[in-house]
Amino acid sequence: MADLDVTKKLHLYHLLYRLNLSFAAIVRRCREFQQTRRFNSKDLTVYQGLAQELQADINQSLLETIHQNELDDWARFGKVSLAREKELGDPDDVFLLAEERRKQKQKKKSLAANKRK
């Protein structure tokens, strides 16, 4: 899916909501038919299950695409956030990060040496 603007993304989520609302209405109508006791309850239970299975299948397929789009957006907009953090960061943070990295390496070497013993 190509990059979406906020309005198009909202429209997709709204369509998905309306689709699920329609499936909920089908299940609800089947239950209402069951309550009349004029129709085969077992058949109506099967129809509810079939509707919910189809709903789950459609949701899974659509959400797989939407999920990938969200991951792409997260990565793209995360770059904006990282750039801003870098801009606002203290120049001395580089030295703090280097010291932390040195400690991590030292700890790793120490663990490796202990394993060899």
C-alpha atoms as a PDB file:
ATOM      1  CA  MET A   1       0.000   0.000   0.000  1.00  0.00           C
ATOM      2  CA  ALA A   2       1.396   3.383  -0.924  1.00  0.00           C
ATOM      3  CA  ASP A   3       1.885   6.132   1.612  1.00  0.00           C
ATOM      4  CA  LEU A   4      -1.480   7.352   2.839  1.00  0.00           C
ATOM      5  CA  ASP A   5      -2.402  10.766   4.052  1.00  0.00           C
ATOM      6  CA  VAL A   6      -4.247  10.971   7.345  1.00  0.00           C
ATOM      7  CA  THR A   7      -7.665  11.379   5.708  1.00  0.00           C
ATOM      8  CA  LYS A   8      -7.257   8.299   3.517  1.00  0.00           C
ATOM      9  CA  LYS A   9      -6.007   6.278   6.476  1.00  0.00           C
ATOM     10  CA  LEU A  10      -9.015   7.379   8.528  1.00  0.00           C
ATOM     11  CA  HIS A  11     -11.291   6.343   5.654  1.00  0.00           C
ATOM     12  CA  LEU A  12      -9.715   2.843   5.593  1.00  0.00           C
ATOM     13  CA  TYR A  13     -10.227   2.375   9.317  1.00  0.00           C
ATOM     14  CA  HIS A  14     -13.788   3.665   9.024  1.00  0.00           C
ATOM     15  CA  LEU A  15     -14.511   1.193   6.209  1.00  0.00           C
ATOM     16  CA  LEU A  16     -13.134  -1.640   8.338  1.00  0.00           C
ATOM     17  CA  TYR A  17     -15.288  -0.500  11.256  1.00  0.00           C
ATOM     18  CA  ARG A  18     -18.396  -0.420   9.053  1.00  0.00           C
ATOM     19  CA  LEU A  19     -17.619  -3.860   7.663  1.00  0.00           C
ATOM     20  CA  ASN A  20     -17.338  -5.288  11.177  1.00  0.00           C
ATOM     21  CA  LEU A  21     -20.491  -3.449  12.215  1.00  0.00           C
ATOM     22  CA  SER A  22     -22.308  -5.175   9.349  1.00  0.00           C
ATOM     23  CA  PHE A  23     -21.095  -8.596  10.476  1.00  0.00           C
ATOM     24  CA  ALA A  24     -22.204  -7.796  14.025  1.00  0.00           C
ATOM     25  CA  ALA A  25     -25.655  -6.958  12.644  1.00  0.00           C
ATOM     26  CA  ILE A  26     -25.820 -10.303  10.808  1.00  0.00           C
ATOM     27  CA  VAL A  27     -24.956 -12.209  13.980  1.00  0.00           C
ATOM     28  CA  ARG A  28     -27.444 -10.149  15.972  1.00  0.00           C
ATOM     29  CA  ARG A  29     -30.220 -10.803  13.420  1.00  0.00           C
ATOM     30  CA  CYS A  30     -29.512 -14.545  13.536  1.00  0.00           C
ATOM     31  CA  ARG A  31     -29.883 -14.461  17.327  1.00  0.00           C
ATOM     32  CA  GLU A  32     -33.127 -12.533  16.998  1.00  0.00           C
ATOM     33  CA  PHE A  33     -34.439 -15.178  14.587  1.00  0.00           C
ATOM     34  CA  GLN A  34     -33.461 -17.849  17.134  1.00  0.00           C
ATOM     35  CA  GLN A  35     -35.421 -16.060  19.852  1.00  0.00           C
ATOM     36  CA  THR A  36     -38.623 -16.280  17.795  1.00  0.00           C
ATOM     37  CA  ARG A  37     -38.361 -20.071  18.078  1.00  0.00           C
ATOM     38  CA  ARG A  38     -39.887 -20.357  14.580  1.00  0.00           C
ATOM     39  CA  PHE A  39     -36.649 -21.275  12.809  1.00  0.00           C
ATOM     40  CA  ASN A  40     -34.120 -24.059  13.188  1.00  0.00           C
ATOM     41  CA  SER A  41     -31.830 -22.863  15.990  1.00  0.00           C
ATOM     42  CA  LYS A  42     -29.022 -25.199  14.941  1.00  0.00           C
ATOM     43  CA  ASP A  43     -28.992 -23.762  11.404  1.00  0.00           C
ATOM     44  CA  LEU A  44     -28.959 -20.207  12.713  1.00  0.00           C
ATOM     45  CA  THR A  45     -26.039 -21.046  15.005  1.00  0.00           C
ATOM     46  CA  VAL A  46     -24.167 -22.409  11.973  1.00  0.00           C
ATOM     47  CA  TYR A  47     -24.939 -19.232  10.001  1.00  0.00           C
ATOM     48  CA  GLN A  48     -23.596 -17.111  12.870  1.00  0.00           C
ATOM     49  CA  GLY A  49     -20.417 -19.155  12.923  1.00  0.00           C
ATOM     50  CA  LEU A  50     -19.994 -18.921   9.159  1.00  0.00           C
ATOM     51  CA  ALA A  51     -20.488 -15.163   9.256  1.00  0.00           C
ATOM     52  CA  GLN A  52     -17.956 -14.781  12.062  1.00  0.00           C
ATOM     53  CA  GLU A  53     -15.461 -17.043  10.289  1.00  0.00           C
ATOM     54  CA  LEU A  54     -15.784 -14.957   7.111  1.00  0.00           C
ATOM     55  CA  GLN A  55     -15.444 -11.780   9.181  1.00  0.00           C
ATOM     56  CA  ALA A  56     -12.240 -13.065  10.773  1.00  0.00           C
ATOM     57  CA  ASP A  57     -10.837 -14.124   7.398  1.00  0.00           C
ATOM     58  CA  ILE A  58     -11.566 -10.741   5.814  1.00  0.00           C
ATOM     59  CA  ASN A  59     -10.198  -8.862   8.849  1.00  0.00           C
ATOM     60  CA  GLN A  60      -7.011 -10.910   8.849  1.00  0.00           C
ATOM     61  CA  SER A  61      -6.410 -10.220   5.180  1.00  0.00           C
ATOM     62  CA  LEU A  62      -7.178  -6.498   5.363  1.00  0.00           C
ATOM     63  CA  LEU A  63      -5.329  -5.948   8.634  1.00  0.00           C
ATOM     64  CA  GLU A  64      -2.219  -7.633   7.288  1.00  0.00           C
ATOM     65  CA  THR A  65      -1.989  -4.890   4.666  1.00  0.00           C
ATOM     66  CA  ILE A  66      -2.926  -2.131   7.107  1.00  0.00           C
ATOM     67  CA  HIS A  67      -0.383  -3.424   9.634  1.00  0.00           C
ATOM     68  CA  GLN A  68       2.409  -3.200   7.052  1.00  0.00           C
ATOM     69  CA  ASN A  69       1.352   0.343   6.237  1.00  0.00           C
ATOM     70  CA  GLU A  70       1.479   1.250   9.938  1.00  0.00           C
ATOM     71  CA  LEU A  71       4.964  -0.254  10.259  1.00  0.00           C
ATOM     72  CA  ASP A  72       6.110   1.780   7.256  1.00  0.00           C
ATOM     73  CA  ASP A  73       4.621   4.946   8.775  1.00  0.00           C
ATOM     74  CA  TRP A  74       6.223   4.189  12.134  1.00  0.00           C
ATOM     75  CA  ALA A  75       9.631   3.839  10.498  1.00  0.00           C
ATOM     76  CA  ARG A  76       9.186   6.971   8.382  1.00  0.00           C
ATOM     77  CA  PHE A  77       7.883   9.183  11.178  1.00  0.00           C
ATOM     78  CA  GLY A  78      10.380   7.708  13.615  1.00  0.00           C
ATOM     79  CA  LYS A  79      13.112   9.269  11.505  1.00  0.00           C
ATOM     80  CA  VAL A  80      11.565  12.671  12.136  1.00  0.00           C
ATOM     81  CA  SER A  81      11.573  12.007  15.867  1.00  0.00           C
ATOM     82  CA  LEU A  82      15.178  10.790  15.857  1.00  0.00           C
ATOM     83  CA  ALA A  83      16.303  13.831  13.880  1.00  0.00           C
ATOM     84  CA  ARG A  84      14.611  16.110  16.396  1.00  0.00           C
ATOM     85  CA  GLU A  85      16.189  14.266  19.346  1.00  0.00           C
ATOM     86  CA  LYS A  86      19.580  14.578  17.687  1.00  0.00           C
ATOM     87  CA  GLU A  87      19.000  18.289  17.132  1.00  0.00           C
ATOM     88  CA  LEU A  88      18.037  18.812  20.766  1.00  0.00           C
ATOM     89  CA  GLY A  89      20.643  16.452  22.175  1.00  0.00           C
ATOM     90  CA  ASP A  90      23.542  17.554  24.313  1.00  0.00           C
ATOM     91  CA  PRO A  91      26.870  17.303  22.436  1.00  0.00           C
ATOM     92  CA  ASP A  92      28.326  15.633  25.534  1.00  0.00           C
ATOM     93  CA  ASP A  93      25.828  12.763  25.119  1.00  0.00           C
ATOM     94  CA  VAL A  94      28.265  11.280  22.586  1.00  0.00           C
ATOM     95  CA  PHE A  95      30.843  10.855  25.340  1.00  0.00           C
ATOM     96  CA  LEU A  96      28.281   9.288  27.682  1.00  0.00           C
ATOM     97  CA  LEU A  97      27.222   6.821  24.975  1.00  0.00           C
ATOM     98  CA  ALA A  98      30.842   5.973  24.222  1.00  0.00           C
ATOM     99  CA  GLU A  99      31.509   5.297  27.916  1.00  0.00           C
ATOM    100  CA  GLU A 100      28.435   3.067  28.141  1.00  0.00           C
ATOM    101  CA  ARG A 101      29.530   1.157  25.037  1.00  0.00           C
ATOM    102  CA  ARG A 102      33.029   0.710  26.493  1.00  0.00           C
ATOM    103  CA  LYS A 103      31.519  -0.757  29.671  1.00  0.00           C
ATOM    104  CA  GLN A 104      29.343  -3.138  27.649  1.00  0.00           C
ATOM    105  CA  LYS A 105      32.347  -4.386  25.687  1.00  0.00           C
ATOM    106  CA  GLN A 106      34.349  -4.839  28.870  1.00  0.00           C
ATOM    107  CA  LYS A 107      31.527  -6.818  30.475  1.00  0.00           C
ATOM    108  CA  LYS A 108      31.208  -8.993  27.356  1.00  0.00           C
ATOM    109  CA  LYS A 109      34.955  -9.738  27.379  1.00  0.00           C
ATOM    110  CA  SER A 110      34.785 -10.584  31.070  1.00  0.00           C
ATOM    111  CA  LEU A 111      31.891 -13.006  30.526  1.00  0.00           C
ATOM    112  CA  ALA A 112      33.730 -14.664  27.622  1.00  0.00           C
ATOM    113  CA  ALA A 113      36.859 -15.058  29.741  1.00  0.00           C
ATOM    114  CA  ASN A 114      34.843 -16.642  32.564  1.00  0.00           C
ATOM    115  CA  LYS A 115      33.283 -19.137  30.140  1.00  0.00           C
ATOM    116  CA  ARG A 116      36.714 -20.266  28.973  1.00  0.00           C
ATOM    117  CA  LYS A 117      37.796 -21.070  32.536  1.00  0.00           C
END
